[in-house]
Amino acid sequence: MQERAKATRRSLLEAAAQLFAEQGYSATSVNDISARSGRTSGAVYFHYTCKEGIAVAVVEDRFATWSQLTAPYEDETVPPLERLVALSYDIAHALTQDTVTRAGARLWAERTTIKATLPDPFALWTAAATRLLAQARLAGHLNEHIRPARTARALVRAFFGLCTLTEALDGTTVLDDRLTDWWHLTLPSLRREAARENLPAGR
């Protein structure tokens, strides 16, 4: 794709993400996206075919891939459970501060109103958490009764519930504190007694 076309496609996606995050899918029209991006509605249809297509692209761009978070996850100089905790704070920050990620989360919540199949946004993070827990087990850091795949699935669901309810009830400014409280409750059940260290103090 030529650079000009890439720039147009990106500007449309970011404009749509802003609108989806602000007002939701149903309240956003192709004309709204056109006006916010400064491009024509024809450009929207050329690059994304339909509003459903751009919604899928927004979810895929950040929320379903977490592409911006791969570096911390892959740093094997950091113990696996520490990486899992750090990854959770990075994802929490993306959910509160990154427009495209926030839009992806809102679109997923409104998925029944969208006539398209949205990609599963939790699969990759669940797989990453499973791998980190498995690495922690090999390193002798994980409580022996913990099963990585089942535990990762539970952690991811609990984490997103925490983020959603915290934002709705308390606002995003206290999310780090709530996440730290959650890890204080959760980490002791994950760690072997001999591997327990200082719990996270927030970021």
C-alpha atoms as a PDB file:
ATOM      1  CA  MET A   1       0.000   0.000   0.000  1.00  0.00           C
ATOM      2  CA  GLN A   2       1.352   3.422  -0.948  1.00  0.00           C
ATOM      3  CA  GLU A   3       2.271   5.800   1.853  1.00  0.00           C
ATOM      4  CA  ARG A   4      -0.529   8.226   1.010  1.00  0.00           C
ATOM      5  CA  ALA A   5      -3.099   5.443   1.093  1.00  0.00           C
ATOM      6  CA  LYS A   6      -1.677   4.164   4.382  1.00  0.00           C
ATOM      7  CA  ALA A   7      -1.931   7.643   5.876  1.00  0.00           C
ATOM      8  CA  THR A   8      -5.544   7.974   4.742  1.00  0.00           C
ATOM      9  CA  ARG A   9      -6.452   4.564   6.119  1.00  0.00           C
ATOM     10  CA  ARG A  10      -4.800   5.384   9.433  1.00  0.00           C
ATOM     11  CA  SER A  11      -6.507   8.760   9.770  1.00  0.00           C
ATOM     12  CA  LEU A  12      -9.883   7.135   9.128  1.00  0.00           C
ATOM     13  CA  LEU A  13      -9.250   4.431  11.707  1.00  0.00           C
ATOM     14  CA  GLU A  14      -8.149   6.915  14.373  1.00  0.00           C
ATOM     15  CA  ALA A  15     -11.088   9.232  13.690  1.00  0.00           C
ATOM     16  CA  ALA A  16     -13.499   6.302  13.912  1.00  0.00           C
ATOM     17  CA  ALA A  17     -11.845   5.117  17.124  1.00  0.00           C
ATOM     18  CA  GLN A  18     -12.285   8.545  18.712  1.00  0.00           C
ATOM     19  CA  LEU A  19     -15.972   8.570  17.837  1.00  0.00           C
ATOM     20  CA  PHE A  20     -16.608   4.971  18.872  1.00  0.00           C
ATOM     21  CA  ALA A  21     -14.890   5.608  22.217  1.00  0.00           C
ATOM     22  CA  GLU A  22     -16.839   8.840  22.794  1.00  0.00           C
ATOM     23  CA  GLN A  23     -20.346   7.932  21.645  1.00  0.00           C
ATOM     24  CA  GLY A  24     -20.477   4.251  20.752  1.00  0.00           C
ATOM     25  CA  TYR A  25     -21.029   2.334  17.541  1.00  0.00           C
ATOM     26  CA  SER A  26     -24.718   2.958  16.900  1.00  0.00           C
ATOM     27  CA  ALA A  27     -24.443   6.721  17.376  1.00  0.00           C
ATOM     28  CA  THR A  28     -21.525   7.010  14.940  1.00  0.00           C
ATOM     29  CA  SER A  29     -22.148   7.303  11.201  1.00  0.00           C
ATOM     30  CA  VAL A  30     -19.864   7.104   8.207  1.00  0.00           C
ATOM     31  CA  ASN A  31     -20.473  10.833   7.703  1.00  0.00           C
ATOM     32  CA  ASP A  32     -19.288  11.443  11.283  1.00  0.00           C
ATOM     33  CA  ILE A  33     -16.091   9.520  10.574  1.00  0.00           C
ATOM     34  CA  SER A  34     -15.624  11.438   7.339  1.00  0.00           C
ATOM     35  CA  ALA A  35     -16.061  14.791   9.090  1.00  0.00           C
ATOM     36  CA  ARG A  36     -13.777  13.919  12.013  1.00  0.00           C
ATOM     37  CA  SER A  37     -11.007  12.636   9.731  1.00  0.00           C
ATOM     38  CA  GLY A  38     -11.276  15.389   7.126  1.00  0.00           C
ATOM     39  CA  ARG A  39     -11.638  12.737   4.413  1.00  0.00           C
ATOM     40  CA  THR A  40     -14.570  11.989   2.155  1.00  0.00           C
ATOM     41  CA  SER A  41     -17.149   9.313   2.919  1.00  0.00           C
ATOM     42  CA  GLY A  42     -16.010   7.725  -0.321  1.00  0.00           C
ATOM     43  CA  ALA A  43     -12.591   7.252   1.238  1.00  0.00           C
ATOM     44  CA  VAL A  44     -14.197   5.432   4.167  1.00  0.00           C
ATOM     45  CA  TYR A  45     -15.993   3.024   1.819  1.00  0.00           C
ATOM     46  CA  PHE A  46     -12.903   2.584  -0.354  1.00  0.00           C
ATOM     47  CA  HIS A  47     -10.635   1.571   2.522  1.00  0.00           C
ATOM     48  CA  TYR A  48     -13.076  -0.215   4.836  1.00  0.00           C
ATOM     49  CA  THR A  49     -16.143  -1.071   2.664  1.00  0.00           C
ATOM     50  CA  CYS A  50     -18.627  -0.298   5.462  1.00  0.00           C
ATOM     51  CA  LYS A  51     -18.950   0.916   9.039  1.00  0.00           C
ATOM     52  CA  GLU A  52     -18.795  -2.683  10.271  1.00  0.00           C
ATOM     53  CA  GLY A  53     -15.479  -3.096   8.477  1.00  0.00           C
ATOM     54  CA  ILE A  54     -13.901  -0.142  10.233  1.00  0.00           C
ATOM     55  CA  ALA A  55     -15.238  -1.369  13.598  1.00  0.00           C
ATOM     56  CA  VAL A  56     -13.517  -4.721  13.053  1.00  0.00           C
ATOM     57  CA  ALA A  57     -10.312  -2.899  12.038  1.00  0.00           C
ATOM     58  CA  VAL A  58     -10.360  -0.815  15.230  1.00  0.00           C
ATOM     59  CA  VAL A  59     -10.691  -3.910  17.428  1.00  0.00           C
ATOM     60  CA  GLU A  60      -7.957  -5.698  15.484  1.00  0.00           C
ATOM     61  CA  ASP A  61      -5.571  -2.743  15.582  1.00  0.00           C
ATOM     62  CA  ARG A  62      -4.905  -2.763  19.328  1.00  0.00           C
ATOM     63  CA  PHE A  63      -7.535  -4.419  21.457  1.00  0.00           C
ATOM     64  CA  ALA A  64      -7.352  -7.898  19.917  1.00  0.00           C
ATOM     65  CA  THR A  65      -3.605  -7.957  19.256  1.00  0.00           C
ATOM     66  CA  TRP A  66      -1.975  -5.975  22.118  1.00  0.00           C
ATOM     67  CA  SER A  67       0.868  -5.436  19.638  1.00  0.00           C
ATOM     68  CA  GLN A  68       2.220  -2.468  21.606  1.00  0.00           C
ATOM     69  CA  LEU A  69       2.822  -4.625  24.692  1.00  0.00           C
ATOM     70  CA  THR A  70       5.001  -7.414  23.301  1.00  0.00           C
ATOM     71  CA  ALA A  71       8.379  -6.072  24.437  1.00  0.00           C
ATOM     72  CA  PRO A  72       7.759  -6.241  28.219  1.00  0.00           C
ATOM     73  CA  TYR A  73       6.127  -9.648  27.846  1.00  0.00           C
ATOM     74  CA  GLU A  74       9.127 -11.118  26.006  1.00  0.00           C
ATOM     75  CA  ASP A  75      11.837  -9.803  28.369  1.00  0.00           C
ATOM     76  CA  GLU A  76      13.071 -13.071  29.864  1.00  0.00           C
ATOM     77  CA  THR A  77      15.493 -11.299  32.209  1.00  0.00           C
ATOM     78  CA  VAL A  78      12.439 -10.449  34.353  1.00  0.00           C
ATOM     79  CA  PRO A  79      10.824 -13.274  36.398  1.00  0.00           C
ATOM     80  CA  PRO A  80       7.594 -14.562  34.796  1.00  0.00           C
ATOM     81  CA  LEU A  81       5.200 -13.506  37.564  1.00  0.00           C
ATOM     82  CA  GLU A  82       6.711 -10.015  37.613  1.00  0.00           C
ATOM     83  CA  ARG A  83       6.139  -9.815  33.863  1.00  0.00           C
ATOM     84  CA  LEU A  84       2.536 -10.905  34.335  1.00  0.00           C
ATOM     85  CA  VAL A  85       1.957  -8.149  36.891  1.00  0.00           C
ATOM     86  CA  ALA A  86       3.707  -5.526  34.737  1.00  0.00           C
ATOM     87  CA  LEU A  87       1.685  -6.595  31.706  1.00  0.00           C
ATOM     88  CA  SER A  88      -1.551  -6.093  33.622  1.00  0.00           C
ATOM     89  CA  TYR A  89      -0.635  -2.494  34.480  1.00  0.00           C
ATOM     90  CA  ASP A  90       0.327  -1.780  30.861  1.00  0.00           C
ATOM     91  CA  ILE A  91      -2.975  -3.167  29.606  1.00  0.00           C
ATOM     92  CA  ALA A  92      -4.889  -1.207  32.245  1.00  0.00           C
ATOM     93  CA  HIS A  93      -3.135   1.979  31.124  1.00  0.00           C
ATOM     94  CA  ALA A  94      -3.946   1.232  27.470  1.00  0.00           C
ATOM     95  CA  LEU A  95      -7.595   0.701  28.363  1.00  0.00           C
ATOM     96  CA  THR A  96      -7.772   4.092  30.061  1.00  0.00           C
ATOM     97  CA  GLN A  97      -5.382   6.224  27.979  1.00  0.00           C
ATOM     98  CA  ASP A  98      -5.151   4.866  24.419  1.00  0.00           C
ATOM     99  CA  THR A  99      -8.078   5.931  22.235  1.00  0.00           C
ATOM    100  CA  VAL A 100      -7.945   2.991  19.837  1.00  0.00           C
ATOM    101  CA  THR A 101      -7.760   0.480  22.687  1.00  0.00           C
ATOM    102  CA  ARG A 102     -10.651   2.187  24.486  1.00  0.00           C
ATOM    103  CA  ALA A 103     -12.685   2.141  21.286  1.00  0.00           C
ATOM    104  CA  GLY A 104     -11.938  -1.543  20.805  1.00  0.00           C
ATOM    105  CA  ALA A 105     -13.139  -2.288  24.328  1.00  0.00           C
ATOM    106  CA  ARG A 106     -16.360  -0.332  23.813  1.00  0.00           C
ATOM    107  CA  LEU A 107     -17.017  -1.986  20.471  1.00  0.00           C
ATOM    108  CA  TRP A 108     -16.541  -5.404  22.033  1.00  0.00           C
ATOM    109  CA  ALA A 109     -19.040  -4.499  24.759  1.00  0.00           C
ATOM    110  CA  GLU A 110     -21.498  -3.384  22.035  1.00  0.00           C
ATOM    111  CA  ARG A 111     -20.752  -6.321  19.727  1.00  0.00           C
ATOM    112  CA  THR A 112     -24.392  -7.488  19.571  1.00  0.00           C
ATOM    113  CA  THR A 113     -25.259  -4.245  17.761  1.00  0.00           C
ATOM    114  CA  ILE A 114     -22.583  -4.774  15.093  1.00  0.00           C
ATOM    115  CA  LYS A 115     -23.396  -6.935  12.088  1.00  0.00           C
ATOM    116  CA  ALA A 116     -19.906  -8.389  11.891  1.00  0.00           C
ATOM    117  CA  THR A 117     -17.869 -10.908  13.851  1.00  0.00           C
ATOM    118  CA  LEU A 118     -15.354  -9.133  16.048  1.00  0.00           C
ATOM    119  CA  PRO A 119     -12.086 -10.914  16.868  1.00  0.00           C
ATOM    120  CA  ASP A 120     -11.716 -12.341  20.373  1.00  0.00           C
ATOM    121  CA  PRO A 121      -9.733  -9.664  22.275  1.00  0.00           C
ATOM    122  CA  PHE A 122      -8.907 -11.947  25.184  1.00  0.00           C
ATOM    123  CA  ALA A 123      -7.341 -14.924  23.403  1.00  0.00           C
ATOM    124  CA  LEU A 124      -3.831 -13.525  22.995  1.00  0.00           C
ATOM    125  CA  TRP A 125      -3.592 -12.162  26.516  1.00  0.00           C
ATOM    126  CA  THR A 126      -4.909 -15.432  27.947  1.00  0.00           C
ATOM    127  CA  ALA A 127      -2.269 -17.285  25.924  1.00  0.00           C
ATOM    128  CA  ALA A 128       0.421 -14.885  27.170  1.00  0.00           C
ATOM    129  CA  ALA A 129      -0.691 -15.317  30.784  1.00  0.00           C
ATOM    130  CA  THR A 130      -0.716 -19.111  30.350  1.00  0.00           C
ATOM    131  CA  ARG A 131       2.828 -19.041  29.014  1.00  0.00           C
ATOM    132  CA  LEU A 132       4.066 -16.821  31.846  1.00  0.00           C
ATOM    133  CA  LEU A 133       2.451 -19.045  34.475  1.00  0.00           C
ATOM    134  CA  ALA A 134       3.977 -22.115  32.831  1.00  0.00           C
ATOM    135  CA  GLN A 135       7.392 -20.431  32.895  1.00  0.00           C
ATOM    136  CA  ALA A 136       6.882 -19.575  36.565  1.00  0.00           C
ATOM    137  CA  ARG A 137       6.116 -23.230  37.259  1.00  0.00           C
ATOM    138  CA  LEU A 138       9.310 -24.355  35.510  1.00  0.00           C
ATOM    139  CA  ALA A 139      11.273 -21.808  37.550  1.00  0.00           C
ATOM    140  CA  GLY A 140       9.796 -23.190  40.776  1.00  0.00           C
ATOM    141  CA  HIS A 141       7.928 -19.969  41.566  1.00  0.00           C
ATOM    142  CA  LEU A 142       4.360 -21.218  41.123  1.00  0.00           C
ATOM    143  CA  ASN A 143       2.219 -22.871  43.748  1.00  0.00           C
ATOM    144  CA  GLU A 144       2.093 -26.527  42.775  1.00  0.00           C
ATOM    145  CA  HIS A 145      -1.710 -26.699  42.678  1.00  0.00           C
ATOM    146  CA  ILE A 146      -1.965 -23.939  40.048  1.00  0.00           C
ATOM    147  CA  ARG A 147      -2.888 -25.048  36.511  1.00  0.00           C
ATOM    148  CA  PRO A 148      -1.569 -22.383  34.095  1.00  0.00           C
ATOM    149  CA  ALA A 149      -4.263 -22.486  31.401  1.00  0.00           C
ATOM    150  CA  ARG A 150      -7.253 -22.541  33.754  1.00  0.00           C
ATOM    151  CA  THR A 151      -5.702 -19.942  36.035  1.00  0.00           C
ATOM    152  CA  ALA A 152      -4.833 -17.631  33.126  1.00  0.00           C
ATOM    153  CA  ARG A 153      -8.418 -17.769  31.886  1.00  0.00           C
ATOM    154  CA  ALA A 154      -9.737 -16.838  35.329  1.00  0.00           C
ATOM    155  CA  LEU A 155      -7.180 -14.053  35.812  1.00  0.00           C
ATOM    156  CA  VAL A 156      -7.942 -12.408  32.466  1.00  0.00           C
ATOM    157  CA  ARG A 157     -11.666 -12.396  33.078  1.00  0.00           C
ATOM    158  CA  ALA A 158     -11.289 -11.104  36.634  1.00  0.00           C
ATOM    159  CA  PHE A 159      -8.887  -8.400  35.457  1.00  0.00           C
ATOM    160  CA  PHE A 160     -11.237  -7.040  32.804  1.00  0.00           C
ATOM    161  CA  GLY A 161     -14.115  -7.097  35.244  1.00  0.00           C
ATOM    162  CA  LEU A 162     -12.007  -5.098  37.691  1.00  0.00           C
ATOM    163  CA  CYS A 163     -11.093  -2.521  35.037  1.00  0.00           C
ATOM    164  CA  THR A 164     -14.667  -2.154  33.799  1.00  0.00           C
ATOM    165  CA  LEU A 165     -16.232  -1.759  37.240  1.00  0.00           C
ATOM    166  CA  THR A 166     -13.488   0.534  38.526  1.00  0.00           C
ATOM    167  CA  GLU A 167     -13.939   2.923  35.609  1.00  0.00           C
ATOM    168  CA  ALA A 168     -17.725   2.857  35.945  1.00  0.00           C
ATOM    169  CA  LEU A 169     -17.846   3.305  39.732  1.00  0.00           C
ATOM    170  CA  ASP A 170     -14.666   5.170  40.673  1.00  0.00           C
ATOM    171  CA  GLY A 171     -13.116   6.614  37.507  1.00  0.00           C
ATOM    172  CA  THR A 172      -9.830   5.766  35.859  1.00  0.00           C
ATOM    173  CA  THR A 173      -7.583   7.779  38.193  1.00  0.00           C
ATOM    174  CA  VAL A 174      -7.741   5.093  40.894  1.00  0.00           C
ATOM    175  CA  LEU A 175      -7.281   2.092  38.600  1.00  0.00           C
ATOM    176  CA  ASP A 176      -3.634   1.530  39.576  1.00  0.00           C
ATOM    177  CA  ASP A 177      -4.601   1.456  43.244  1.00  0.00           C
ATOM    178  CA  ARG A 178      -7.449  -0.994  42.643  1.00  0.00           C
ATOM    179  CA  LEU A 179      -5.184  -3.189  40.528  1.00  0.00           C
ATOM    180  CA  THR A 180      -2.548  -3.209  43.264  1.00  0.00           C
ATOM    181  CA  ASP A 181      -5.192  -4.249  45.799  1.00  0.00           C
ATOM    182  CA  TRP A 182      -6.212  -7.066  43.452  1.00  0.00           C
ATOM    183  CA  TRP A 183      -2.655  -8.340  43.065  1.00  0.00           C
ATOM    184  CA  HIS A 184      -2.158  -8.247  46.844  1.00  0.00           C
ATOM    185  CA  LEU A 185      -5.075 -10.644  47.067  1.00  0.00           C
ATOM    186  CA  THR A 186      -4.131 -12.771  44.054  1.00  0.00           C
ATOM    187  CA  LEU A 187      -0.353 -13.175  44.069  1.00  0.00           C
ATOM    188  CA  PRO A 188      -0.072 -15.066  47.372  1.00  0.00           C
ATOM    189  CA  SER A 189      -2.299 -17.808  45.965  1.00  0.00           C
ATOM    190  CA  LEU A 190      -0.102 -18.060  42.846  1.00  0.00           C
ATOM    191  CA  ARG A 191       3.332 -18.068  44.434  1.00  0.00           C
ATOM    192  CA  ARG A 192       5.078 -20.886  46.217  1.00  0.00           C
ATOM    193  CA  GLU A 193       5.796 -19.910  49.812  1.00  0.00           C
ATOM    194  CA  ALA A 194       9.553 -19.845  49.218  1.00  0.00           C
ATOM    195  CA  ALA A 195       9.149 -17.621  46.144  1.00  0.00           C
ATOM    196  CA  ARG A 196       6.997 -14.921  47.712  1.00  0.00           C
ATOM    197  CA  GLU A 197       8.485 -11.469  47.473  1.00  0.00           C
ATOM    198  CA  ASN A 198       7.286  -7.912  47.944  1.00  0.00           C
ATOM    199  CA  LEU A 199       3.950  -7.346  46.321  1.00  0.00           C
ATOM    200  CA  PRO A 200       3.454  -4.563  43.728  1.00  0.00           C
ATOM    201  CA  ALA A 201       3.034  -1.053  45.066  1.00  0.00           C
ATOM    202  CA  GLY A 202       1.433   0.288  41.879  1.00  0.00           C
ATOM    203  CA  ARG A 203       2.940   2.060  38.895  1.00  0.00           C
END
